[in-house]
C-alpha atoms as a PDB file:
ATOM      1  CA  GLY A   1      12.386 -16.093   5.871  1.00  0.00           C
ATOM      2  CA  GLY A   2      15.141 -14.432   3.824  1.00  0.00           C
ATOM      3  CA  SER A   3      13.104 -11.478   2.594  1.00  0.00           C
ATOM      4  CA  GLN A   4      14.289  -8.049   3.699  1.00  0.00           C
ATOM      5  CA  PRO A   5      12.225  -6.076   6.221  1.00  0.00           C
ATOM      6  CA  LEU A   6       9.491  -3.944   4.693  1.00  0.00           C
ATOM      7  CA  GLY A   7      11.064  -0.680   5.865  1.00  0.00           C
ATOM      8  CA  THR A   8      14.374  -1.538   4.163  1.00  0.00           C
ATOM      9  CA  LYS A   9      12.539  -2.663   1.025  1.00  0.00           C
ATOM     10  CA  ILE A  10      10.626   0.624   0.836  1.00  0.00           C
ATOM     11  CA  ARG A  11      13.806   2.677   1.298  1.00  0.00           C
ATOM     12  CA  LYS A  12      15.653   0.728  -1.418  1.00  0.00           C
ATOM     13  CA  GLU A  13      12.969  -0.038  -3.982  1.00  0.00           C
ATOM     14  CA  GLY A  14      10.181   2.372  -3.149  1.00  0.00           C
ATOM     15  CA  ALA A  15       6.693   1.861  -1.767  1.00  0.00           C
ATOM     16  CA  GLN A  16       4.705  -0.116  -4.296  1.00  0.00           C
ATOM     17  CA  VAL A  17       1.124   1.114  -4.632  1.00  0.00           C
ATOM     18  CA  VAL A  18      -1.348  -0.414  -7.094  1.00  0.00           C
ATOM     19  CA  LEU A  19      -4.211   1.409  -8.801  1.00  0.00           C
ATOM     20  CA  ILE A  20      -7.172  -0.909  -9.273  1.00  0.00           C
ATOM     21  CA  GLY A  21     -10.793  -0.582 -10.351  1.00  0.00           C
ATOM     22  CA  ASP A  22     -12.977  -0.878 -13.432  1.00  0.00           C
ATOM     23  CA  SER A  23     -11.785   0.124 -16.874  1.00  0.00           C
ATOM     24  CA  GLY A  24     -12.360   3.807 -17.649  1.00  0.00           C
ATOM     25  CA  VAL A  25     -12.519   5.159 -14.096  1.00  0.00           C
ATOM     26  CA  GLY A  26      -9.369   7.252 -14.632  1.00  0.00           C
ATOM     27  CA  LYS A  27      -6.582   5.183 -13.049  1.00  0.00           C
ATOM     28  CA  SER A  28      -4.030   6.049 -15.754  1.00  0.00           C
ATOM     29  CA  ASN A  29      -4.817   9.756 -15.516  1.00  0.00           C
ATOM     30  CA  LEU A  30      -4.478   9.668 -11.723  1.00  0.00           C
ATOM     31  CA  LEU A  31      -1.037   8.118 -12.264  1.00  0.00           C
ATOM     32  CA  SER A  32       0.031  10.646 -14.905  1.00  0.00           C
ATOM     33  CA  ARG A  33      -1.357  13.596 -12.901  1.00  0.00           C
ATOM     34  CA  PHE A  34       0.548  12.521  -9.779  1.00  0.00           C
ATOM     35  CA  THR A  35       3.843  11.502 -11.397  1.00  0.00           C
ATOM     36  CA  ARG A  36       4.076  13.906 -14.381  1.00  0.00           C
ATOM     37  CA  ASN A  37       1.299  16.460 -13.748  1.00  0.00           C
ATOM     38  CA  GLU A  38      -0.289  15.471 -17.071  1.00  0.00           C
ATOM     39  CA  PHE A  39      -3.839  14.633 -18.086  1.00  0.00           C
ATOM     40  CA  ASN A  40      -4.923  13.086 -21.377  1.00  0.00           C
ATOM     41  CA  LEU A  41      -8.595  13.135 -22.272  1.00  0.00           C
ATOM     42  CA  GLU A  42      -7.948  10.601 -25.065  1.00  0.00           C
ATOM     43  CA  SER A  43      -6.045   8.078 -22.954  1.00  0.00           C
ATOM     44  CA  LYS A  44      -6.486   4.502 -24.173  1.00  0.00           C
ATOM     45  CA  SER A  45      -7.268   1.461 -22.047  1.00  0.00           C
ATOM     46  CA  THR A  46      -4.197   0.203 -20.223  1.00  0.00           C
ATOM     47  CA  ILE A  47      -2.842  -3.084 -21.555  1.00  0.00           C
ATOM     48  CA  GLY A  48      -1.519  -5.251 -18.756  1.00  0.00           C
ATOM     49  CA  VAL A  49       0.404  -3.146 -16.258  1.00  0.00           C
ATOM     50  CA  GLU A  50       2.358   0.100 -16.362  1.00  0.00           C
ATOM     51  CA  PHE A  51       4.166   1.965 -13.612  1.00  0.00           C
ATOM     52  CA  ALA A  52       5.748   5.305 -12.826  1.00  0.00           C
ATOM     53  CA  THR A  53       7.676   6.616  -9.836  1.00  0.00           C
ATOM     54  CA  ARG A  54       7.787   9.820  -7.846  1.00  0.00           C
ATOM     55  CA  SER A  55       9.494  10.704  -4.591  1.00  0.00           C
ATOM     56  CA  ILE A  56       7.614  12.527  -1.850  1.00  0.00           C
ATOM     57  CA  GLN A  57       8.403  13.778   1.651  1.00  0.00           C
ATOM     58  CA  VAL A  58       6.840  11.942   4.601  1.00  0.00           C
ATOM     59  CA  ASP A  59       7.754  12.971   8.152  1.00  0.00           C
ATOM     60  CA  GLY A  60      10.920  14.630   6.830  1.00  0.00           C
ATOM     61  CA  LYS A  61      12.033  11.473   4.981  1.00  0.00           C
ATOM     62  CA  THR A  62      12.038  11.051   1.199  1.00  0.00           C
ATOM     63  CA  ILE A  63       9.948   8.076   0.110  1.00  0.00           C
ATOM     64  CA  LYS A  64      10.082   6.804  -3.446  1.00  0.00           C
ATOM     65  CA  ALA A  65       6.611   5.770  -4.555  1.00  0.00           C
ATOM     66  CA  GLN A  66       6.324   3.162  -7.275  1.00  0.00           C
ATOM     67  CA  ILE A  67       2.771   3.421  -8.615  1.00  0.00           C
ATOM     68  CA  TRP A  68       1.488   0.482 -10.648  1.00  0.00           C
ATOM     69  CA  ASP A  69      -1.413   1.132 -12.993  1.00  0.00           C
ATOM     70  CA  THR A  70      -3.325  -2.082 -13.655  1.00  0.00           C
ATOM     71  CA  ALA A  71      -5.701  -2.864 -16.495  1.00  0.00           C
ATOM     72  CA  GLY A  72      -9.318  -2.792 -15.392  1.00  0.00           C
ATOM     73  CA  GLN A  73     -10.450  -5.078 -18.198  1.00  0.00           C
ATOM     74  CA  GLU A  74     -11.417  -8.627 -17.294  1.00  0.00           C
ATOM     75  CA  ARG A  75      -9.065 -10.266 -19.817  1.00  0.00           C
ATOM     76  CA  TYR A  76      -5.973  -8.910 -18.052  1.00  0.00           C
ATOM     77  CA  ARG A  77      -7.049 -10.060 -14.597  1.00  0.00           C
ATOM     78  CA  ALA A  78      -4.498 -12.900 -14.411  1.00  0.00           C
ATOM     79  CA  ILE A  79      -1.593 -10.542 -15.187  1.00  0.00           C
ATOM     80  CA  THR A  80      -2.652  -7.880 -12.729  1.00  0.00           C
ATOM     81  CA  SER A  81      -3.218 -10.182  -9.756  1.00  0.00           C
ATOM     82  CA  ALA A  82       0.524 -10.988  -9.751  1.00  0.00           C
ATOM     83  CA  TYR A  83       1.267  -7.323  -9.022  1.00  0.00           C
ATOM     84  CA  TYR A  84      -0.768  -7.308  -5.823  1.00  0.00           C
ATOM     85  CA  ARG A  85       1.813  -9.464  -4.078  1.00  0.00           C
ATOM     86  CA  GLY A  86       4.504  -6.847  -3.587  1.00  0.00           C
ATOM     87  CA  ALA A  87       2.079  -3.993  -2.997  1.00  0.00           C
ATOM     88  CA  VAL A  88       2.040  -2.163   0.325  1.00  0.00           C
ATOM     89  CA  GLY A  89      -0.837   0.099  -0.722  1.00  0.00           C
ATOM     90  CA  ALA A  90      -3.788   0.161  -3.109  1.00  0.00           C
ATOM     91  CA  LEU A  91      -5.987   2.914  -4.481  1.00  0.00           C
ATOM     92  CA  LEU A  92      -9.330   1.342  -5.335  1.00  0.00           C
ATOM     93  CA  VAL A  93     -10.854   3.720  -7.880  1.00  0.00           C
ATOM     94  CA  TYR A  94     -14.430   4.172  -9.107  1.00  0.00           C
ATOM     95  CA  ASP A  95     -16.114   6.875 -11.217  1.00  0.00           C
ATOM     96  CA  ILE A  96     -18.566   9.036  -9.222  1.00  0.00           C
ATOM     97  CA  ALA A  97     -20.711   9.408 -12.364  1.00  0.00           C
ATOM     98  CA  LYS A  98     -20.983   5.654 -13.101  1.00  0.00           C
ATOM     99  CA  HIS A  99     -22.742   3.716 -10.351  1.00  0.00           C
ATOM    100  CA  LEU A 100     -21.716   0.316 -11.759  1.00  0.00           C
ATOM    101  CA  THR A 101     -18.030   1.122 -11.198  1.00  0.00           C
ATOM    102  CA  TYR A 102     -18.895   1.752  -7.537  1.00  0.00           C
ATOM    103  CA  GLU A 103     -20.930  -1.463  -7.267  1.00  0.00           C
ATOM    104  CA  ASN A 104     -17.897  -3.380  -8.554  1.00  0.00           C
ATOM    105  CA  VAL A 105     -15.710  -2.018  -5.735  1.00  0.00           C
ATOM    106  CA  GLU A 106     -16.733  -4.984  -3.575  1.00  0.00           C
ATOM    107  CA  ARG A 107     -15.429  -7.419  -6.177  1.00  0.00           C
ATOM    108  CA  TRP A 108     -12.126  -5.545  -6.412  1.00  0.00           C
ATOM    109  CA  LEU A 109     -11.884  -5.513  -2.633  1.00  0.00           C
ATOM    110  CA  LYS A 110     -12.345  -9.280  -2.548  1.00  0.00           C
ATOM    111  CA  GLU A 111      -9.614  -9.644  -5.165  1.00  0.00           C
ATOM    112  CA  LEU A 112      -7.242  -7.575  -3.025  1.00  0.00           C
ATOM    113  CA  ARG A 113      -8.067  -9.620   0.075  1.00  0.00           C
ATOM    114  CA  ASP A 114      -7.388 -12.830  -1.919  1.00  0.00           C
ATOM    115  CA  HIS A 115      -4.105 -11.810  -3.550  1.00  0.00           C
ATOM    116  CA  ALA A 116      -2.505  -8.983  -1.584  1.00  0.00           C
ATOM    117  CA  ASP A 117      -0.688  -8.897   1.734  1.00  0.00           C
ATOM    118  CA  SER A 118      -3.156  -8.811   4.624  1.00  0.00           C
ATOM    119  CA  ASN A 119      -1.578  -5.580   5.942  1.00  0.00           C
ATOM    120  CA  ILE A 120      -1.986  -3.669   2.665  1.00  0.00           C
ATOM    121  CA  VAL A 121      -3.226  -0.083   3.129  1.00  0.00           C
ATOM    122  CA  ILE A 122      -6.323   0.499   0.994  1.00  0.00           C
ATOM    123  CA  MET A 123      -7.892   3.806   0.017  1.00  0.00           C
ATOM    124  CA  LEU A 124     -11.244   4.087  -1.763  1.00  0.00           C
ATOM    125  CA  VAL A 125     -11.082   6.827  -4.411  1.00  0.00           C
ATOM    126  CA  GLY A 126     -14.119   8.385  -6.070  1.00  0.00           C
ATOM    127  CA  ASN A 127     -12.588   9.897  -9.210  1.00  0.00           C
ATOM    128  CA  LYS A 128     -14.034  12.450 -11.689  1.00  0.00           C
ATOM    129  CA  SER A 129     -15.380  14.708  -8.927  1.00  0.00           C
ATOM    130  CA  ASP A 130     -15.486  17.476 -11.563  1.00  0.00           C
ATOM    131  CA  LEU A 131     -18.593  15.734 -12.998  1.00  0.00           C
ATOM    132  CA  ARG A 132     -20.787  17.070 -10.173  1.00  0.00           C
ATOM    133  CA  HIS A 133     -23.831  17.453 -12.424  1.00  0.00           C
ATOM    134  CA  LEU A 134     -23.627  13.754 -13.399  1.00  0.00           C
ATOM    135  CA  ARG A 135     -22.960  12.390  -9.901  1.00  0.00           C
ATOM    136  CA  ALA A 136     -24.412   8.894  -9.434  1.00  0.00           C
ATOM    137  CA  VAL A 137     -22.645   7.904  -6.206  1.00  0.00           C
ATOM    138  CA  PRO A 138     -23.376  10.039  -3.110  1.00  0.00           C
ATOM    139  CA  THR A 139     -20.244  10.967  -1.155  1.00  0.00           C
ATOM    140  CA  ASP A 140     -21.816   9.902   2.158  1.00  0.00           C
ATOM    141  CA  GLU A 141     -22.687   6.452   0.830  1.00  0.00           C
ATOM    142  CA  ALA A 142     -19.143   5.808  -0.371  1.00  0.00           C
ATOM    143  CA  ARG A 143     -17.648   7.167   2.857  1.00  0.00           C
ATOM    144  CA  ALA A 144     -19.884   4.872   4.932  1.00  0.00           C
ATOM    145  CA  PHE A 145     -18.858   1.874   2.799  1.00  0.00           C
ATOM    146  CA  ALA A 146     -15.184   2.774   3.275  1.00  0.00           C
ATOM    147  CA  GLU A 147     -15.562   3.093   7.051  1.00  0.00           C
ATOM    148  CA  LYS A 148     -17.389  -0.221   7.274  1.00  0.00           C
ATOM    149  CA  ASN A 149     -14.541  -1.940   5.418  1.00  0.00           C
ATOM    150  CA  GLY A 150     -11.664  -0.184   7.173  1.00  0.00           C
ATOM    151  CA  LEU A 151     -10.593   1.869   4.134  1.00  0.00           C
ATOM    152  CA  SER A 152      -9.660   5.507   3.955  1.00  0.00           C
ATOM    153  CA  PHE A 153     -11.700   7.541   1.460  1.00  0.00           C
ATOM    154  CA  ILE A 154     -11.252  10.553  -0.803  1.00  0.00           C
ATOM    155  CA  GLU A 155     -12.828  12.050  -3.923  1.00  0.00           C
ATOM    156  CA  THR A 156     -10.470  13.240  -6.659  1.00  0.00           C
ATOM    157  CA  SER A 157     -10.427  14.768 -10.106  1.00  0.00           C
ATOM    158  CA  ALA A 158      -7.458  13.870 -12.290  1.00  0.00           C
ATOM    159  CA  LEU A 159      -8.837  16.370 -14.822  1.00  0.00           C
ATOM    160  CA  ASP A 160      -8.702  19.472 -12.599  1.00  0.00           C
ATOM    161  CA  SER A 161      -6.123  18.057 -10.114  1.00  0.00           C
ATOM    162  CA  THR A 162      -8.451  18.142  -7.089  1.00  0.00           C
ATOM    163  CA  ASN A 163      -7.123  15.960  -4.239  1.00  0.00           C
ATOM    164  CA  VAL A 164      -4.810  13.869  -6.456  1.00  0.00           C
ATOM    165  CA  GLU A 165      -1.738  14.964  -4.519  1.00  0.00           C
ATOM    166  CA  ALA A 166      -3.637  14.549  -1.231  1.00  0.00           C
ATOM    167  CA  ALA A 167      -4.724  10.987  -2.084  1.00  0.00           C
ATOM    168  CA  PHE A 168      -1.191   9.742  -2.763  1.00  0.00           C
ATOM    169  CA  GLN A 169       0.332  11.755   0.086  1.00  0.00           C
ATOM    170  CA  THR A 170      -2.234  10.314   2.538  1.00  0.00           C
ATOM    171  CA  ILE A 171      -1.778   6.671   1.558  1.00  0.00           C
ATOM    172  CA  LEU A 172       2.027   6.928   1.427  1.00  0.00           C
ATOM    173  CA  THR A 173       2.139   8.640   4.832  1.00  0.00           C
ATOM    174  CA  GLU A 174      -0.034   5.882   6.286  1.00  0.00           C
ATOM    175  CA  ILE A 175       2.188   3.177   4.745  1.00  0.00           C
ATOM    176  CA  TYR A 176       5.354   4.836   6.012  1.00  0.00           C
ATOM    177  CA  ARG A 177       4.028   5.222   9.563  1.00  0.00           C
ATOM    178  CA  ILE A 178       2.833   1.612   9.735  1.00  0.00           C
ATOM    179  CA  VAL A 179       6.221   0.399   8.488  1.00  0.00           C
ATOM    180  CA  SER A 180       8.102   2.658  10.946  1.00  0.00           C
ATOM    181  CA  GLN A 181       6.032   1.422  13.894  1.00  0.00           C
ATOM    182  CA  LYS A 182       6.558  -2.182  12.830  1.00  0.00           C
ATOM    183  CA  GLN A 183      10.313  -1.636  12.614  1.00  0.00           C
ATOM    184  CA  MET A 184      10.369  -0.126  16.093  1.00  0.00           C
ATOM    185  CA  SER A 185       8.477  -3.052  17.587  1.00  0.00           C
ATOM    186  CA  ASP A 186      10.725  -5.540  15.708  1.00  0.00           C
ATOM    187  CA  ARG A 187      13.740  -3.740  17.119  1.00  0.00           C
ATOM    188  CA  ARG A 188      12.340  -3.994  20.639  1.00  0.00           C
ATOM    189  CA  GLU A 189      11.912  -7.745  20.205  1.00  0.00           C
ATOM    190  CA  ASN A 190      15.455  -8.060  18.850  1.00  0.00           C
ATOM    191  CA  ASP A 191      16.820  -6.065  21.784  1.00  0.00           C
ATOM    192  CA  MET A 192      15.415  -8.743  24.059  1.00  0.00           C
ATOM    193  CA  SER A 193      17.090 -11.641  22.288  1.00  0.00           C
ATOM    194  CA  PRO A 194      20.792 -11.096  23.229  1.00  0.00           C
ATOM    195  CA  SER A 195      19.841 -11.325  26.918  1.00  0.00           C
ATOM    196  CA  ASN A 196      18.577 -14.867  26.274  1.00  0.00           C
ATOM    197  CA  ASN A 197      22.133 -15.937  25.465  1.00  0.00           C
ATOM    198  CA  VAL A 198      23.450 -14.438  28.688  1.00  0.00           C
ATOM    199  CA  VAL A 199      21.046 -16.258  30.990  1.00  0.00           C
ATOM    200  CA  PRO A 200      22.827 -19.683  31.181  1.00  0.00           C
ATOM    201  CA  ILE A 201      26.046 -18.080  32.471  1.00  0.00           C
ATOM    202  CA  HIS A 202      24.239 -16.883  35.587  1.00  0.00           C
ATOM    203  CA  VAL A 203      22.739 -20.274  36.363  1.00  0.00           C
ATOM    204  CA  PRO A 204      24.693 -21.926  39.213  1.00  0.00           C
ATOM    205  CA  PRO A 205      26.439 -24.864  37.531  1.00  0.00           C
ATOM    206  CA  THR A 206      25.555 -28.365  38.546  1.00  0.00           C
ATOM    207  CA  THR A 207      28.388 -30.893  38.800  1.00  0.00           C
ATOM    208  CA  GLU A 208      27.643 -32.359  35.350  1.00  0.00           C
ATOM    209  CA  ASN A 209      28.063 -29.163  33.343  1.00  0.00           C
ATOM    210  CA  LYS A 210      30.625 -27.420  35.552  1.00  0.00           C
ATOM    211  CA  PRO A 211      33.547 -27.876  33.111  1.00  0.00           C
ATOM    212  CA  LYS A 212      31.376 -26.537  30.286  1.00  0.00           C
ATOM    213  CA  MET A 213      30.442 -23.427  32.219  1.00  0.00           C
ATOM    214  CA  GLN A 214      34.081 -22.699  33.124  1.00  0.00           C
ATOM    215  CA  CYS A 215      35.047 -23.111  29.512  1.00  0.00           C
ATOM    216  CA  CYS A 216      32.378 -20.646  28.455  1.00  0.00           C
ATOM    217  CA  GLN A 217      33.337 -18.108  31.115  1.00  0.00           C
ATOM    218  CA  ASN A 218      36.943 -18.126  29.960  1.00  0.00           C
ATOM    219  CA  ILE A 219      36.014 -17.062  26.429  1.00  0.00           C
END
């Protein structure tokens, strides 16, 4: 009840987007490429959760993105699920050269559906697109899976920067537009409510509540 509207929350605290997927698919490098334009071939497995922020322009407005990088390893699952709650977006990442990481996407999707807000914007991301010669997951197959599950889809390479900017820009634009539309419809509903209070004054008073009506009209 007392929580602030999503639009206000995003303007004040930033849009919280979580990176999820198996260990080793490149979530941390997607984060560092987007927020610091860095890539580390020797990056270690993430322990627990880390986050970084970056502001981007969407429809002429500056949106602060708060990107949470979650550990893909099973033993951190309990910690990471807590971070789904405040998330307005999720990048579900697999490695195009490791078919198992793609097979596990369904499990991650179930986890999101169980723990995250039902309106969360989800994008399926096939990372390591630079490994063309080792490709194990056909683009068309992943795109069809995304469409079937109502996800947007993109292939990226954190190593050579391909589509990293586009992935974050796309999901943040989608989040911002959904939030803006929701605010507009909330406002329309609120605009209706003051008229409800006016209605009784126009009702012809019966003898019982006549004094009450006069009292109210004098205010």
